[in-house]
Amino acid sequence: MSRHTARIEAIWDPEASVWVAESDDVPGLATETETVEALIEKLRVLVPALLEANGISLPIEDHELPFHVIASRHDSTHVAVLEQAGLDKAF
């Protein structure tokens, strides 16, 4: 039996200072947490609950349902910070 891995996308919301997760593989998934680690813990509960609530049964092995979290965060820094840290010459 092949193993299906649910794909979950997590994007950093700088205004709310939270990671926001959604997934086409898990209908109804929309959640947020302050850290990626907390998000994974939350997903361990939400993913199977939402799949069951939506009547979706996936072929699973060893009673485990793998999921893959793809986290994305766009950020920047000020050049003055690099100069103060002595990192301006590293680039």
C-alpha atoms as a PDB file:
ATOM      1  CA  MET A   1       0.000   0.000   0.000  1.00  0.00           C
ATOM      2  CA  SER A   2       1.506   3.347  -0.992  1.00  0.00           C
ATOM      3  CA  ARG A   3       1.893   6.036   1.582  1.00  0.00           C
ATOM      4  CA  HIS A   4       0.098   9.348   1.045  1.00  0.00           C
ATOM      5  CA  THR A   5       1.726  12.428   2.521  1.00  0.00           C
ATOM      6  CA  ALA A   6      -0.470  15.444   3.204  1.00  0.00           C
ATOM      7  CA  ARG A   7       1.184  18.659   1.990  1.00  0.00           C
ATOM      8  CA  ILE A   8       0.742  21.663   4.290  1.00  0.00           C
ATOM      9  CA  GLU A   9       1.915  25.176   3.516  1.00  0.00           C
ATOM     10  CA  ALA A  10       2.860  27.517   6.358  1.00  0.00           C
ATOM     11  CA  ILE A  11       3.442  31.205   5.725  1.00  0.00           C
ATOM     12  CA  TRP A  12       4.696  33.769   8.233  1.00  0.00           C
ATOM     13  CA  ASP A  13       2.245  36.629   8.855  1.00  0.00           C
ATOM     14  CA  PRO A  14       4.452  39.523  10.019  1.00  0.00           C
ATOM     15  CA  GLU A  15       1.518  41.705  11.078  1.00  0.00           C
ATOM     16  CA  ALA A  16       0.087  39.069  13.425  1.00  0.00           C
ATOM     17  CA  SER A  17       3.495  37.491  14.228  1.00  0.00           C
ATOM     18  CA  VAL A  18       2.183  33.983  13.600  1.00  0.00           C
ATOM     19  CA  TRP A  19       2.640  31.090  11.203  1.00  0.00           C
ATOM     20  CA  VAL A  20      -0.537  30.466   9.178  1.00  0.00           C
ATOM     21  CA  ALA A  21      -1.078  26.955   7.800  1.00  0.00           C
ATOM     22  CA  GLU A  22      -3.409  25.795   5.028  1.00  0.00           C
ATOM     23  CA  SER A  23      -3.618  22.711   2.847  1.00  0.00           C
ATOM     24  CA  ASP A  24      -5.462  21.540  -0.248  1.00  0.00           C
ATOM     25  CA  ASP A  25      -4.945  17.983   1.029  1.00  0.00           C
ATOM     26  CA  VAL A  26      -6.727  18.674   4.334  1.00  0.00           C
ATOM     27  CA  PRO A  27     -10.082  20.398   3.715  1.00  0.00           C
ATOM     28  CA  GLY A  28     -10.902  23.006   6.327  1.00  0.00           C
ATOM     29  CA  LEU A  29      -7.354  23.381   7.607  1.00  0.00           C
ATOM     30  CA  ALA A  30      -6.673  26.974   8.568  1.00  0.00           C
ATOM     31  CA  THR A  31      -4.722  27.475  11.760  1.00  0.00           C
ATOM     32  CA  GLU A  32      -2.017  29.679  13.214  1.00  0.00           C
ATOM     33  CA  THR A  33       0.654  29.522  15.910  1.00  0.00           C
ATOM     34  CA  GLU A  34       3.646  31.579  17.037  1.00  0.00           C
ATOM     35  CA  THR A  35       6.293  28.960  16.180  1.00  0.00           C
ATOM     36  CA  VAL A  36       6.760  26.229  13.581  1.00  0.00           C
ATOM     37  CA  GLU A  37       7.298  23.723  16.386  1.00  0.00           C
ATOM     38  CA  ALA A  38       3.936  24.630  17.953  1.00  0.00           C
ATOM     39  CA  LEU A  39       2.351  24.419  14.518  1.00  0.00           C
ATOM     40  CA  ILE A  40       3.574  20.845  14.028  1.00  0.00           C
ATOM     41  CA  GLU A  41       2.174  19.820  17.406  1.00  0.00           C
ATOM     42  CA  LYS A  42      -1.171  21.403  16.511  1.00  0.00           C
ATOM     43  CA  LEU A  43      -1.190  19.704  13.090  1.00  0.00           C
ATOM     44  CA  ARG A  44      -0.674  16.286  14.695  1.00  0.00           C
ATOM     45  CA  VAL A  45      -4.140  16.707  16.209  1.00  0.00           C
ATOM     46  CA  LEU A  46      -5.907  18.738  13.497  1.00  0.00           C
ATOM     47  CA  VAL A  47      -4.931  16.773  10.384  1.00  0.00           C
ATOM     48  CA  PRO A  48      -6.488  13.417  11.337  1.00  0.00           C
ATOM     49  CA  ALA A  49      -9.483  15.143  12.942  1.00  0.00           C
ATOM     50  CA  LEU A  50     -10.231  17.201   9.822  1.00  0.00           C
ATOM     51  CA  LEU A  51      -9.763  14.261   7.476  1.00  0.00           C
ATOM     52  CA  GLU A  52     -12.166  12.193   9.560  1.00  0.00           C
ATOM     53  CA  ALA A  53     -14.665  15.080   9.782  1.00  0.00           C
ATOM     54  CA  ASN A  54     -14.595  15.344   5.972  1.00  0.00           C
ATOM     55  CA  GLY A  55     -15.078  11.606   5.508  1.00  0.00           C
ATOM     56  CA  ILE A  56     -11.662  11.173   3.926  1.00  0.00           C
ATOM     57  CA  SER A  57      -9.906   7.903   4.584  1.00  0.00           C
ATOM     58  CA  LEU A  58      -6.379   7.561   3.320  1.00  0.00           C
ATOM     59  CA  PRO A  59      -4.325   4.401   3.010  1.00  0.00           C
ATOM     60  CA  ILE A  60      -2.041   4.527   6.022  1.00  0.00           C
ATOM     61  CA  GLU A  61       0.641   2.178   7.263  1.00  0.00           C
ATOM     62  CA  ASP A  62       1.345   1.476  10.919  1.00  0.00           C
ATOM     63  CA  HIS A  63      -1.493   3.836  11.949  1.00  0.00           C
ATOM     64  CA  GLU A  64       0.577   6.837  10.887  1.00  0.00           C
ATOM     65  CA  LEU A  65      -0.376   9.602   8.502  1.00  0.00           C
ATOM     66  CA  PRO A  66       2.673  11.518   7.315  1.00  0.00           C
ATOM     67  CA  PHE A  67       2.447  15.214   6.535  1.00  0.00           C
ATOM     68  CA  HIS A  68       4.971  17.561   4.976  1.00  0.00           C
ATOM     69  CA  VAL A  69       5.102  21.168   6.207  1.00  0.00           C
ATOM     70  CA  ILE A  70       6.549  23.665   3.762  1.00  0.00           C
ATOM     71  CA  ALA A  71       7.308  26.882   5.656  1.00  0.00           C
ATOM     72  CA  SER A  72       7.942  30.170   3.893  1.00  0.00           C
ATOM     73  CA  ARG A  73       8.975  33.476   5.406  1.00  0.00           C
ATOM     74  CA  HIS A  74      10.067  36.610   3.604  1.00  0.00           C
ATOM     75  CA  ASP A  75      12.256  38.873   5.708  1.00  0.00           C
ATOM     76  CA  SER A  76      14.834  41.631   5.367  1.00  0.00           C
ATOM     77  CA  THR A  77      17.388  43.510   7.400  1.00  0.00           C
ATOM     78  CA  HIS A  78      18.771  47.020   7.397  1.00  0.00           C
ATOM     79  CA  VAL A  79      22.249  47.517   5.962  1.00  0.00           C
ATOM     80  CA  ALA A  80      23.263  49.504   9.049  1.00  0.00           C
ATOM     81  CA  VAL A  81      22.728  46.364  11.159  1.00  0.00           C
ATOM     82  CA  LEU A  82      25.164  44.433   8.964  1.00  0.00           C
ATOM     83  CA  GLU A  83      27.759  47.194   9.239  1.00  0.00           C
ATOM     84  CA  GLN A  84      27.467  47.304  13.038  1.00  0.00           C
ATOM     85  CA  ALA A  85      27.903  43.543  13.244  1.00  0.00           C
ATOM     86  CA  GLY A  86      30.948  43.688  10.959  1.00  0.00           C
ATOM     87  CA  LEU A  87      29.185  41.537   8.371  1.00  0.00           C
ATOM     88  CA  ASP A  88      29.127  44.109   5.577  1.00  0.00           C
ATOM     89  CA  LYS A  89      32.464  42.838   4.234  1.00  0.00           C
ATOM     90  CA  ALA A  90      31.261  39.235   4.175  1.00  0.00           C
ATOM     91  CA  PHE A  91      29.026  39.936   1.197  1.00  0.00           C
END
